[in-house]
């Protein structure tokens, strides 16, 4: 099992240059975990695409459902103490620290494309490195 941030989910489900890496990640480890926050972040990505007329509402709803299926039973509430402690020592946003806190609590890697997370947390692994 791995923790993935919202960008990895978006790269998997919304075709682009990082989609092959995201597909390699899910092939290597399909048990993805995330803090509950991922849903709101992903909805925000979908909302942006809706506003830009890059997705229809029907497509956005289908992508949301597909994304939710990726985390079946592996969405977690993260303790404020854990998140804020990481914020205080890393300088990362609370949003980003939710993913790092979950990975630390579960003792599993955080897979991300976020350079700030990669620099701040030694347990974070880049998409490229994990996909190899």
N, C-alpha and C. Protein backbone atom coordinates (compact mmCIF):
# COMPACT_ATOMS: atom_id res chain seq x y z
N UNK A 1 0.85 -1.18 0.00
CA UNK A 1 0.00 0.00 0.00
C UNK A 1 0.89 1.24 0.00
N UNK A 2 0.42 2.28 -0.71
CA UNK A 2 1.12 3.56 -0.77
C UNK A 2 0.10 4.68 -0.57
N UNK A 3 0.58 5.82 -0.11
CA UNK A 3 -0.21 7.04 -0.10
C UNK A 3 0.14 7.79 -1.37
N UNK A 4 -0.87 8.24 -2.08
CA UNK A 4 -0.65 9.07 -3.26
C UNK A 4 -1.35 10.41 -3.04
N UNK A 5 -0.75 11.45 -3.58
CA UNK A 5 -1.43 12.74 -3.47
C UNK A 5 -2.38 12.91 -4.65
N UNK A 6 -3.15 13.96 -4.60
CA UNK A 6 -4.22 14.17 -5.58
C UNK A 6 -3.69 14.30 -6.99
N UNK A 7 -2.51 14.86 -7.15
CA UNK A 7 -1.95 15.00 -8.49
C UNK A 7 -1.75 13.65 -9.16
N UNK A 8 -1.34 12.65 -8.41
CA UNK A 8 -1.13 11.32 -8.98
C UNK A 8 -2.47 10.77 -9.50
N UNK A 9 -3.52 10.99 -8.74
CA UNK A 9 -4.86 10.55 -9.16
C UNK A 9 -5.25 11.25 -10.46
N UNK A 10 -5.05 12.56 -10.49
CA UNK A 10 -5.40 13.33 -11.69
C UNK A 10 -4.57 12.87 -12.89
N UNK A 11 -3.28 12.62 -12.67
CA UNK A 11 -2.43 12.16 -13.77
C UNK A 11 -2.89 10.80 -14.29
N UNK A 12 -3.38 9.95 -13.41
CA UNK A 12 -3.85 8.64 -13.84
C UNK A 12 -5.12 8.74 -14.68
N UNK A 13 -6.06 9.55 -14.23
CA UNK A 13 -7.39 9.54 -14.83
C UNK A 13 -7.62 10.59 -15.92
N UNK A 14 -6.75 11.58 -15.99
CA UNK A 14 -6.91 12.65 -16.96
C UNK A 14 -5.68 12.64 -17.86
N UNK A 15 -5.80 12.10 -19.06
CA UNK A 15 -4.64 11.87 -19.92
C UNK A 15 -3.74 13.09 -20.10
N UNK A 16 -2.45 12.83 -19.98
CA UNK A 16 -1.44 13.87 -20.13
C UNK A 16 -0.06 13.23 -20.13
N UNK A 17 0.97 14.06 -20.04
CA UNK A 17 2.33 13.55 -20.16
C UNK A 17 2.75 12.66 -19.00
N UNK A 18 2.12 12.80 -17.83
CA UNK A 18 2.49 11.97 -16.68
C UNK A 18 1.59 10.74 -16.51
N UNK A 19 0.64 10.58 -17.39
CA UNK A 19 -0.27 9.44 -17.31
C UNK A 19 0.47 8.10 -17.36
N UNK A 20 1.47 7.92 -18.23
CA UNK A 20 2.18 6.63 -18.24
C UNK A 20 2.84 6.31 -16.89
N UNK A 21 3.40 7.32 -16.22
CA UNK A 21 4.00 7.09 -14.91
C UNK A 21 2.94 6.68 -13.90
N UNK A 22 1.81 7.37 -13.91
CA UNK A 22 0.73 7.05 -12.98
C UNK A 22 0.21 5.64 -13.22
N UNK A 23 0.12 5.24 -14.47
CA UNK A 23 -0.32 3.87 -14.78
C UNK A 23 0.71 2.84 -14.29
N UNK A 24 1.98 3.16 -14.42
CA UNK A 24 3.03 2.27 -13.93
C UNK A 24 2.95 2.13 -12.41
N UNK A 25 2.62 3.22 -11.75
CA UNK A 25 2.49 3.19 -10.29
C UNK A 25 1.35 2.28 -9.86
N UNK A 26 0.20 2.42 -10.50
CA UNK A 26 -0.95 1.60 -10.12
C UNK A 26 -0.71 0.13 -10.47
N UNK A 27 0.08 -0.14 -11.49
CA UNK A 27 0.42 -1.53 -11.81
C UNK A 27 1.36 -2.11 -10.77
N UNK A 28 2.25 -1.28 -10.25
CA UNK A 28 3.21 -1.73 -9.24
C UNK A 28 2.54 -1.90 -7.88
N UNK A 29 1.63 -0.99 -7.54
CA UNK A 29 0.92 -1.07 -6.26
C UNK A 29 -0.45 -0.43 -6.44
N UNK A 30 -1.48 -1.24 -6.46
CA UNK A 30 -2.83 -0.75 -6.70
C UNK A 30 -3.60 -0.42 -5.43
N UNK A 31 -2.98 -0.65 -4.27
CA UNK A 31 -3.62 -0.30 -3.01
C UNK A 31 -3.21 1.11 -2.62
N UNK A 32 -4.03 2.07 -3.05
CA UNK A 32 -3.74 3.47 -2.79
C UNK A 32 -4.52 3.95 -1.58
N UNK A 33 -3.85 4.74 -0.74
CA UNK A 33 -4.49 5.35 0.42
C UNK A 33 -4.31 6.87 0.31
N UNK A 34 -5.22 7.59 0.97
CA UNK A 34 -5.14 9.06 0.97
C UNK A 34 -5.96 9.60 2.13
N UNK A 35 -5.63 10.82 2.56
CA UNK A 35 -6.51 11.48 3.53
C UNK A 35 -7.81 11.87 2.83
N UNK A 36 -8.85 12.03 3.61
CA UNK A 36 -10.15 12.40 3.04
C UNK A 36 -10.08 13.66 2.19
N UNK A 37 -9.15 14.52 2.48
CA UNK A 37 -8.96 15.77 1.75
C UNK A 37 -8.82 15.56 0.25
N UNK A 38 -8.30 14.42 -0.17
CA UNK A 38 -8.05 14.19 -1.59
C UNK A 38 -9.31 14.41 -2.41
N UNK A 39 -10.48 14.07 -1.85
CA UNK A 39 -11.73 14.20 -2.60
C UNK A 39 -12.00 15.65 -2.98
N UNK A 40 -11.84 16.55 -2.03
CA UNK A 40 -12.09 17.96 -2.32
C UNK A 40 -11.07 18.50 -3.31
N UNK A 41 -9.82 18.10 -3.15
CA UNK A 41 -8.80 18.55 -4.10
C UNK A 41 -9.10 18.05 -5.51
N UNK A 42 -9.50 16.80 -5.63
CA UNK A 42 -9.80 16.25 -6.95
C UNK A 42 -11.05 16.90 -7.54
N UNK A 43 -12.04 17.14 -6.70
CA UNK A 43 -13.23 17.85 -7.19
C UNK A 43 -12.87 19.23 -7.70
N UNK A 44 -11.91 19.87 -7.07
CA UNK A 44 -11.47 21.19 -7.51
C UNK A 44 -10.81 21.11 -8.89
N UNK A 45 -10.03 20.07 -9.13
CA UNK A 45 -9.44 19.85 -10.45
C UNK A 45 -10.55 19.66 -11.49
N UNK A 46 -11.52 18.82 -11.15
CA UNK A 46 -12.64 18.59 -12.06
C UNK A 46 -13.42 19.87 -12.31
N UNK A 47 -13.63 20.67 -11.28
CA UNK A 47 -14.35 21.94 -11.42
C UNK A 47 -13.62 22.88 -12.37
N UNK A 48 -12.31 22.93 -12.26
CA UNK A 48 -11.51 23.76 -13.17
C UNK A 48 -11.72 23.31 -14.62
N UNK A 49 -11.65 22.02 -14.85
CA UNK A 49 -11.86 21.49 -16.20
C UNK A 49 -13.27 21.76 -16.70
N UNK A 50 -14.25 21.71 -15.80
CA UNK A 50 -15.63 22.05 -16.17
C UNK A 50 -15.72 23.51 -16.61
N UNK A 51 -15.14 24.40 -15.82
CA UNK A 51 -15.18 25.84 -16.14
C UNK A 51 -14.48 26.15 -17.44
N UNK A 52 -13.45 25.38 -17.75
CA UNK A 52 -12.70 25.58 -18.99
C UNK A 52 -13.31 24.82 -20.17
N UNK A 53 -14.45 24.20 -19.93
CA UNK A 53 -15.13 23.41 -20.96
C UNK A 53 -14.25 22.29 -21.52
N UNK A 54 -13.39 21.76 -20.67
CA UNK A 54 -12.53 20.64 -21.06
C UNK A 54 -13.16 19.31 -20.66
N UNK A 55 -14.21 19.36 -19.84
CA UNK A 55 -14.97 18.19 -19.43
C UNK A 55 -16.44 18.55 -19.40
N UNK A 56 -17.27 17.57 -19.69
CA UNK A 56 -18.71 17.75 -19.47
C UNK A 56 -19.01 17.34 -18.03
N UNK A 57 -20.16 17.72 -17.54
CA UNK A 57 -20.55 17.31 -16.19
C UNK A 57 -20.62 15.80 -16.10
N UNK A 58 -21.14 15.15 -17.11
CA UNK A 58 -21.23 13.69 -17.13
C UNK A 58 -19.84 13.06 -17.01
N UNK A 59 -18.88 13.60 -17.77
CA UNK A 59 -17.51 13.08 -17.72
C UNK A 59 -16.88 13.33 -16.35
N UNK A 60 -17.10 14.51 -15.79
CA UNK A 60 -16.54 14.85 -14.48
C UNK A 60 -17.09 13.91 -13.41
N UNK A 61 -18.37 13.64 -13.46
CA UNK A 61 -18.97 12.74 -12.48
C UNK A 61 -18.43 11.32 -12.63
N UNK A 62 -18.22 10.89 -13.86
CA UNK A 62 -17.65 9.56 -14.09
C UNK A 62 -16.22 9.48 -13.57
N UNK A 63 -15.44 10.53 -13.78
CA UNK A 63 -14.07 10.55 -13.28
C UNK A 63 -14.03 10.56 -11.76
N UNK A 64 -14.94 11.31 -11.14
CA UNK A 64 -15.01 11.34 -9.68
C UNK A 64 -15.31 9.94 -9.14
N UNK A 65 -16.25 9.25 -9.76
CA UNK A 65 -16.60 7.90 -9.32
C UNK A 65 -15.43 6.94 -9.51
N UNK A 66 -14.76 7.04 -10.64
CA UNK A 66 -13.60 6.18 -10.90
C UNK A 66 -12.49 6.43 -9.88
N UNK A 67 -12.26 7.69 -9.57
CA UNK A 67 -11.24 8.04 -8.59
C UNK A 67 -11.61 7.50 -7.21
N UNK A 68 -12.85 7.65 -6.83
CA UNK A 68 -13.29 7.17 -5.52
C UNK A 68 -13.11 5.66 -5.40
N UNK A 69 -13.30 4.94 -6.49
CA UNK A 69 -13.11 3.49 -6.49
C UNK A 69 -11.66 3.10 -6.21
N UNK A 70 -10.71 3.97 -6.58
CA UNK A 70 -9.29 3.69 -6.34
C UNK A 70 -8.96 3.55 -4.86
N UNK A 71 -9.74 4.22 -4.02
CA UNK A 71 -9.43 4.29 -2.59
C UNK A 71 -10.39 3.48 -1.73
N UNK A 72 -11.07 2.54 -2.31
CA UNK A 72 -12.08 1.76 -1.62
C UNK A 72 -11.59 1.27 -0.25
N UNK A 73 -12.12 1.89 0.81
CA UNK A 73 -11.77 1.51 2.17
C UNK A 73 -10.42 2.01 2.65
N UNK A 74 -9.75 2.85 1.87
CA UNK A 74 -8.42 3.32 2.25
C UNK A 74 -8.32 4.84 2.30
N UNK A 75 -9.42 5.47 2.69
CA UNK A 75 -9.43 6.92 2.93
C UNK A 75 -9.39 7.13 4.44
N UNK A 76 -8.57 8.08 4.86
CA UNK A 76 -8.32 8.22 6.29
C UNK A 76 -8.50 9.65 6.78
N UNK A 77 -8.99 9.74 8.00
CA UNK A 77 -9.03 11.01 8.71
C UNK A 77 -7.65 11.19 9.34
N UNK A 78 -7.07 12.35 9.16
CA UNK A 78 -5.72 12.62 9.67
C UNK A 78 -5.85 13.57 10.87
N UNK A 79 -5.10 13.29 11.91
CA UNK A 79 -5.15 14.09 13.13
C UNK A 79 -4.53 15.48 12.91
N UNK A 80 -5.20 16.49 13.42
CA UNK A 80 -4.69 17.87 13.31
C UNK A 80 -3.32 18.01 13.93
N UNK A 81 -3.09 17.35 15.05
CA UNK A 81 -1.78 17.41 15.72
C UNK A 81 -0.67 16.95 14.77
N UNK A 82 -0.91 15.87 14.06
CA UNK A 82 0.10 15.35 13.14
C UNK A 82 0.35 16.32 11.99
N UNK A 83 -0.73 16.84 11.43
CA UNK A 83 -0.61 17.75 10.28
C UNK A 83 0.10 19.03 10.68
N UNK A 84 -0.35 19.64 11.76
CA UNK A 84 0.23 20.92 12.17
C UNK A 84 1.67 20.78 12.64
N UNK A 85 2.02 19.65 13.25
CA UNK A 85 3.41 19.41 13.62
C UNK A 85 4.30 19.38 12.39
N UNK A 86 3.82 18.74 11.35
CA UNK A 86 4.60 18.69 10.11
C UNK A 86 4.67 20.06 9.44
N UNK A 87 3.58 20.82 9.52
CA UNK A 87 3.60 22.19 8.97
C UNK A 87 4.66 23.04 9.65
N UNK A 88 4.75 22.89 10.97
CA UNK A 88 5.68 23.71 11.75
C UNK A 88 7.13 23.40 11.42
N UNK A 89 7.41 22.17 11.05
CA UNK A 89 8.80 21.79 10.80
C UNK A 89 9.18 21.77 9.32
N UNK A 90 8.19 21.73 8.44
CA UNK A 90 8.51 21.57 7.01
C UNK A 90 8.32 22.83 6.19
N UNK A 91 7.39 23.67 6.60
CA UNK A 91 7.04 24.82 5.78
C UNK A 91 6.05 24.50 4.67
N UNK A 92 5.62 23.24 4.57
CA UNK A 92 4.63 22.84 3.57
C UNK A 92 3.23 23.26 4.03
N UNK A 93 2.31 23.30 3.08
CA UNK A 93 0.93 23.65 3.40
C UNK A 93 0.29 22.54 4.23
N UNK A 94 -0.77 22.88 4.93
CA UNK A 94 -1.53 21.87 5.68
C UNK A 94 -2.09 20.82 4.73
N UNK A 95 -2.49 21.25 3.53
CA UNK A 95 -3.01 20.30 2.55
C UNK A 95 -1.96 19.24 2.24
N UNK A 96 -0.75 19.67 1.92
CA UNK A 96 0.31 18.73 1.60
C UNK A 96 0.69 17.87 2.81
N UNK A 97 0.71 18.49 3.98
CA UNK A 97 1.09 17.76 5.19
C UNK A 97 0.08 16.68 5.57
N UNK A 98 -1.15 16.80 5.11
CA UNK A 98 -2.12 15.72 5.36
C UNK A 98 -1.64 14.42 4.72
N UNK A 99 -1.14 14.51 3.50
CA UNK A 99 -0.65 13.32 2.80
C UNK A 99 0.60 12.77 3.49
N UNK A 100 1.51 13.66 3.85
CA UNK A 100 2.74 13.23 4.53
C UNK A 100 2.42 12.61 5.89
N UNK A 101 1.51 13.22 6.64
CA UNK A 101 1.15 12.69 7.96
C UNK A 101 0.55 11.30 7.85
N UNK A 102 -0.29 11.10 6.86
CA UNK A 102 -0.89 9.78 6.68
C UNK A 102 0.17 8.74 6.35
N UNK A 103 1.06 9.08 5.44
CA UNK A 103 2.12 8.13 5.07
C UNK A 103 2.98 7.78 6.29
N UNK A 104 3.32 8.78 7.08
CA UNK A 104 4.12 8.53 8.28
C UNK A 104 3.36 7.67 9.28
N UNK A 105 2.08 7.96 9.48
CA UNK A 105 1.29 7.18 10.45
C UNK A 105 1.15 5.72 10.00
N UNK A 106 0.95 5.51 8.71
CA UNK A 106 0.79 4.15 8.20
C UNK A 106 2.13 3.44 7.96
N UNK A 107 3.22 4.21 7.97
CA UNK A 107 4.54 3.63 7.73
C UNK A 107 4.74 3.15 6.31
N UNK A 108 4.17 3.91 5.36
CA UNK A 108 4.26 3.54 3.95
C UNK A 108 4.71 4.76 3.15
N UNK A 109 5.20 4.56 1.93
CA UNK A 109 5.68 5.70 1.14
C UNK A 109 4.55 6.63 0.68
N UNK A 110 4.90 7.88 0.54
CA UNK A 110 4.05 8.87 -0.11
C UNK A 110 4.61 9.05 -1.52
N UNK A 111 3.80 8.76 -2.52
CA UNK A 111 4.22 8.93 -3.91
C UNK A 111 3.61 10.22 -4.43
N UNK A 112 4.47 11.08 -4.98
CA UNK A 112 4.04 12.41 -5.36
C UNK A 112 4.91 12.97 -6.49
N UNK A 113 4.38 13.99 -7.14
CA UNK A 113 5.17 14.76 -8.11
C UNK A 113 5.50 16.13 -7.54
N UNK A 114 5.08 16.39 -6.32
CA UNK A 114 5.24 17.69 -5.68
C UNK A 114 6.67 17.85 -5.17
N UNK A 115 7.42 18.77 -5.75
CA UNK A 115 8.83 18.93 -5.38
C UNK A 115 9.01 19.37 -3.94
N UNK A 116 8.10 20.19 -3.44
CA UNK A 116 8.22 20.63 -2.04
C UNK A 116 8.05 19.46 -1.08
N UNK A 117 7.09 18.59 -1.34
CA UNK A 117 6.92 17.40 -0.51
C UNK A 117 8.14 16.50 -0.60
N UNK A 118 8.66 16.33 -1.78
CA UNK A 118 9.83 15.48 -1.98
C UNK A 118 11.05 16.03 -1.24
N UNK A 119 11.19 17.34 -1.20
CA UNK A 119 12.32 17.95 -0.51
C UNK A 119 12.15 17.94 1.01
N UNK A 120 10.91 18.03 1.47
CA UNK A 120 10.65 18.16 2.90
C UNK A 120 10.54 16.83 3.64
N UNK A 121 10.17 15.78 2.93
CA UNK A 121 9.91 14.50 3.60
C UNK A 121 10.71 13.38 2.95
N UNK A 122 11.70 12.85 3.67
CA UNK A 122 12.54 11.78 3.12
C UNK A 122 11.76 10.53 2.75
N UNK A 123 10.61 10.33 3.37
CA UNK A 123 9.81 9.14 3.05
C UNK A 123 8.99 9.32 1.77
N UNK A 124 8.97 10.52 1.22
CA UNK A 124 8.24 10.76 -0.03
C UNK A 124 9.08 10.26 -1.20
N UNK A 125 8.40 9.69 -2.18
CA UNK A 125 9.06 9.12 -3.35
C UNK A 125 8.46 9.77 -4.59
N UNK A 126 9.29 10.14 -5.53
CA UNK A 126 8.80 10.73 -6.77
C UNK A 126 8.05 9.69 -7.59
N UNK A 127 7.15 10.16 -8.41
CA UNK A 127 6.43 9.26 -9.31
C UNK A 127 7.41 8.47 -10.16
N UNK A 128 8.41 9.17 -10.69
CA UNK A 128 9.39 8.53 -11.57
C UNK A 128 10.14 7.40 -10.85
N UNK A 129 10.58 7.68 -9.64
CA UNK A 129 11.35 6.67 -8.89
C UNK A 129 10.48 5.48 -8.53
N UNK A 130 9.24 5.72 -8.13
CA UNK A 130 8.37 4.60 -7.74
C UNK A 130 7.96 3.77 -8.94
N UNK A 131 7.79 4.41 -10.09
CA UNK A 131 7.32 3.72 -11.29
C UNK A 131 8.36 2.77 -11.87
N UNK A 132 9.63 2.96 -11.51
CA UNK A 132 10.72 2.12 -12.07
C UNK A 132 10.62 0.71 -11.59
